[in-house]
Every structure is written in C-alpha cells, then in structure tokens.
Amino acid sequence: MLSGSVGSQDANKVYRDMAVNNFAANVQLLADYVNELYMKAVAYDRSHSGKSKPVYRDIPGLSEIGRYLVEN
C-alpha cells in the first residue's frame, strides 16, 4: 500500500508542477479566446445595430475589454 500512495504523490507533484509551469501560457490562451469571442460579439452587435449606435458602446468599460485582453 505504501508504494501505491508514493506513486500517486509523485504523479500529483508532476501534475502540480505542470500546472504551475504552464499557468502563464494557459492564462494567455484563455485571454486570446475571450478576446476572440469579444471581437465576434462586437462584430455581431455592429452588424445588427444598423445606423444606430451599437449596444456595446453604451455599457461602461465594455469597449475597453479588447484592449485589456491584448495587453501584456
């Protein structure tokens, strides 16, 4: 039994180390996906707003999200 728990502890350490070492890359990947979704939502809003002002322009801070997501 002892050897089985030691093996799982080693595996947990490997997984933990992988998560810590890849955290920055994973956060950047998430930011890229959120930015892509934001850009699609803005394009949809613009295409359906006609000659009126797009809705995302009326929500404080929302027009800045794209800039925040691509900053390093």
N, C-alpha and C. Protein backbone atom coordinates (compact mmCIF):
# COMPACT_ATOMS: atom_id res chain seq x y z
N MET A 1 0.81 -1.19 0.00
CA MET A 1 0.00 0.00 0.00
C MET A 1 0.85 1.26 0.00
N LEU A 2 1.93 1.22 0.71
CA LEU A 2 2.77 2.40 0.81
C LEU A 2 3.32 2.80 -0.55
N SER A 3 3.73 1.83 -1.34
CA SER A 3 4.28 2.15 -2.65
C SER A 3 3.23 2.76 -3.58
N GLY A 4 1.97 2.34 -3.42
CA GLY A 4 0.91 2.90 -4.24
C GLY A 4 0.65 4.36 -3.92
N SER A 5 0.69 4.72 -2.64
CA SER A 5 0.46 6.12 -2.27
C SER A 5 1.64 7.00 -2.65
N VAL A 6 2.84 6.44 -2.61
CA VAL A 6 4.02 7.20 -3.02
C VAL A 6 3.94 7.49 -4.52
N GLY A 7 3.51 6.52 -5.29
CA GLY A 7 3.37 6.73 -6.74
C GLY A 7 2.34 7.79 -7.06
N SER A 8 1.23 7.80 -6.33
CA SER A 8 0.21 8.81 -6.59
C SER A 8 0.68 10.19 -6.14
N GLN A 9 1.50 10.24 -5.08
CA GLN A 9 2.06 11.52 -4.65
C GLN A 9 3.02 12.07 -5.71
N ASP A 10 3.80 11.17 -6.31
CA ASP A 10 4.71 11.59 -7.38
C ASP A 10 3.91 12.12 -8.58
N ALA A 11 2.84 11.43 -8.92
CA ALA A 11 2.01 11.87 -10.04
C ALA A 11 1.37 13.22 -9.73
N ASN A 12 0.89 13.39 -8.50
CA ASN A 12 0.29 14.67 -8.11
C ASN A 12 1.31 15.80 -8.19
N LYS A 13 2.54 15.52 -7.79
CA LYS A 13 3.60 16.54 -7.88
C LYS A 13 3.86 16.89 -9.33
N VAL A 14 3.89 15.91 -10.20
CA VAL A 14 4.12 16.16 -11.62
C VAL A 14 2.99 17.03 -12.18
N TYR A 15 1.75 16.69 -11.86
CA TYR A 15 0.60 17.47 -12.34
C TYR A 15 0.64 18.89 -11.78
N ARG A 16 0.97 19.02 -10.51
CA ARG A 16 1.05 20.34 -9.90
C ARG A 16 2.15 21.17 -10.56
N ASP A 17 3.31 20.56 -10.78
CA ASP A 17 4.41 21.27 -11.43
C ASP A 17 4.04 21.68 -12.86
N MET A 18 3.35 20.80 -13.57
CA MET A 18 2.91 21.13 -14.93
C MET A 18 1.95 22.32 -14.91
N ALA A 19 1.01 22.31 -13.99
CA ALA A 19 0.03 23.39 -13.89
C ALA A 19 0.71 24.72 -13.57
N VAL A 20 1.64 24.70 -12.62
CA VAL A 20 2.35 25.92 -12.23
C VAL A 20 3.21 26.43 -13.38
N ASN A 21 3.92 25.54 -14.03
CA ASN A 21 4.82 25.94 -15.11
C ASN A 21 4.08 26.45 -16.34
N ASN A 22 2.86 25.99 -16.55
CA ASN A 22 2.09 26.40 -17.73
C ASN A 22 1.03 27.45 -17.43
N PHE A 23 1.01 27.95 -16.20
CA PHE A 23 -0.05 28.88 -15.81
C PHE A 23 -0.10 30.12 -16.69
N ALA A 24 1.03 30.76 -16.91
CA ALA A 24 1.05 31.99 -17.72
C ALA A 24 0.58 31.71 -19.14
N ALA A 25 1.03 30.62 -19.72
CA ALA A 25 0.61 30.27 -21.09
C ALA A 25 -0.88 29.97 -21.14
N ASN A 26 -1.39 29.29 -20.10
CA ASN A 26 -2.82 28.97 -20.07
C ASN A 26 -3.68 30.22 -19.90
N VAL A 27 -3.22 31.16 -19.08
CA VAL A 27 -3.96 32.41 -18.90
C VAL A 27 -3.96 33.20 -20.21
N GLN A 28 -2.83 33.22 -20.90
CA GLN A 28 -2.75 33.93 -22.18
C GLN A 28 -3.67 33.28 -23.21
N LEU A 29 -3.73 31.98 -23.22
CA LEU A 29 -4.62 31.26 -24.13
C LEU A 29 -6.08 31.59 -23.83
N LEU A 30 -6.43 31.62 -22.56
CA LEU A 30 -7.78 31.99 -22.16
C LEU A 30 -8.09 33.42 -22.59
N ALA A 31 -7.16 34.34 -22.40
CA ALA A 31 -7.35 35.73 -22.81
C ALA A 31 -7.55 35.82 -24.32
N ASP A 32 -6.80 35.03 -25.08
CA ASP A 32 -6.95 35.03 -26.54
C ASP A 32 -8.35 34.56 -26.94
N TYR A 33 -8.84 33.51 -26.30
CA TYR A 33 -10.18 33.00 -26.62
C TYR A 33 -11.27 34.00 -26.22
N VAL A 34 -11.11 34.62 -25.06
CA VAL A 34 -12.10 35.62 -24.63
C VAL A 34 -12.08 36.81 -25.58
N ASN A 35 -10.89 37.23 -26.01
CA ASN A 35 -10.78 38.33 -26.96
C ASN A 35 -11.44 37.98 -28.29
N GLU A 36 -11.23 36.75 -28.75
CA GLU A 36 -11.87 36.31 -29.99
C GLU A 36 -13.39 36.34 -29.86
N LEU A 37 -13.91 35.86 -28.75
CA LEU A 37 -15.35 35.90 -28.50
C LEU A 37 -15.84 37.35 -28.45
N TYR A 38 -15.09 38.21 -27.78
CA TYR A 38 -15.45 39.62 -27.68
C TYR A 38 -15.52 40.25 -29.08
N MET A 39 -14.53 39.98 -29.91
CA MET A 39 -14.49 40.56 -31.26
C MET A 39 -15.69 40.07 -32.09
N LYS A 40 -16.05 38.82 -31.94
CA LYS A 40 -17.22 38.29 -32.65
C LYS A 40 -18.51 38.93 -32.15
N ALA A 41 -18.61 39.14 -30.84
CA ALA A 41 -19.80 39.79 -30.27
C ALA A 41 -19.91 41.23 -30.74
N VAL A 42 -18.78 41.95 -30.80
CA VAL A 42 -18.78 43.32 -31.29
C VAL A 42 -19.19 43.36 -32.76
N ALA A 43 -18.64 42.45 -33.56
CA ALA A 43 -19.00 42.40 -34.98
C ALA A 43 -20.49 42.13 -35.15
N TYR A 44 -21.02 41.22 -34.36
CA TYR A 44 -22.45 40.90 -34.41
C TYR A 44 -23.27 42.13 -34.02
N ASP A 45 -22.87 42.79 -32.95
CA ASP A 45 -23.58 43.98 -32.48
C ASP A 45 -23.56 45.06 -33.55
N ARG A 46 -22.41 45.29 -34.15
CA ARG A 46 -22.31 46.31 -35.20
C ARG A 46 -23.17 45.96 -36.41
N SER A 47 -23.16 44.71 -36.79
CA SER A 47 -23.91 44.32 -37.98
C SER A 47 -25.42 44.38 -37.77
N HIS A 48 -25.87 44.25 -36.52
CA HIS A 48 -27.30 44.27 -36.24
C HIS A 48 -27.80 45.60 -35.69
N SER A 49 -26.90 46.57 -35.53
CA SER A 49 -27.33 47.86 -34.99
C SER A 49 -27.80 48.82 -36.08
N GLY A 50 -27.51 48.47 -37.33
CA GLY A 50 -27.92 49.35 -38.42
C GLY A 50 -27.24 50.70 -38.31
N LYS A 51 -28.02 51.76 -38.42
CA LYS A 51 -27.45 53.11 -38.36
C LYS A 51 -27.37 53.63 -36.92
N SER A 52 -27.97 52.92 -35.98
CA SER A 52 -27.90 53.36 -34.58
C SER A 52 -26.58 52.92 -33.95
N LYS A 53 -26.30 53.48 -32.79
CA LYS A 53 -25.05 53.17 -32.08
C LYS A 53 -25.11 51.74 -31.54
N PRO A 54 -24.04 50.95 -31.72
CA PRO A 54 -24.03 49.59 -31.18
C PRO A 54 -24.21 49.59 -29.66
N VAL A 55 -24.84 48.57 -29.14
CA VAL A 55 -25.15 48.47 -27.71
C VAL A 55 -23.89 48.43 -26.87
N TYR A 56 -22.84 47.75 -27.34
CA TYR A 56 -21.64 47.62 -26.51
C TYR A 56 -21.01 48.97 -26.20
N ARG A 57 -21.30 49.98 -27.00
CA ARG A 57 -20.77 51.33 -26.75
C ARG A 57 -21.46 52.00 -25.57
N ASP A 58 -22.66 51.55 -25.22
CA ASP A 58 -23.42 52.14 -24.12
C ASP A 58 -23.07 51.54 -22.76
N ILE A 59 -22.34 50.45 -22.74
CA ILE A 59 -22.00 49.78 -21.48
C ILE A 59 -20.61 50.24 -21.05
N PRO A 60 -20.53 50.93 -19.92
CA PRO A 60 -19.24 51.47 -19.47
C PRO A 60 -18.17 50.37 -19.35
N GLY A 61 -17.02 50.62 -19.91
CA GLY A 61 -15.90 49.70 -19.80
C GLY A 61 -15.88 48.59 -20.82
N LEU A 62 -17.02 48.28 -21.40
CA LEU A 62 -17.08 47.16 -22.34
C LEU A 62 -16.27 47.43 -23.60
N SER A 63 -16.26 48.66 -24.04
CA SER A 63 -15.49 48.97 -25.25
C SER A 63 -13.99 48.88 -25.02
N GLU A 64 -13.56 48.81 -23.75
CA GLU A 64 -12.13 48.72 -23.42
C GLU A 64 -11.65 47.29 -23.23
N ILE A 65 -12.56 46.35 -23.17
CA ILE A 65 -12.17 44.97 -22.87
C ILE A 65 -11.15 44.42 -23.86
N GLY A 66 -11.35 44.67 -25.14
CA GLY A 66 -10.40 44.19 -26.14
C GLY A 66 -8.99 44.67 -25.87
N ARG A 67 -8.87 45.92 -25.49
CA ARG A 67 -7.55 46.48 -25.19
C ARG A 67 -6.94 45.81 -23.97
N TYR A 68 -7.73 45.57 -22.95
CA TYR A 68 -7.21 44.93 -21.73
C TYR A 68 -6.77 43.48 -22.01
N LEU A 69 -7.45 42.80 -22.88
CA LEU A 69 -7.14 41.40 -23.14
C LEU A 69 -5.84 41.22 -23.92
N VAL A 70 -5.48 42.18 -24.74
CA VAL A 70 -4.28 42.01 -25.56
C VAL A 70 -3.06 42.68 -24.96
N GLU A 71 -3.20 43.41 -23.83
CA GLU A 71 -2.05 43.98 -23.17
C GLU A 71 -1.22 42.88 -22.51
N ASN A 72 0.06 43.10 -22.46
CA ASN A 72 0.94 42.11 -21.81
C ASN A 72 1.26 42.49 -20.42
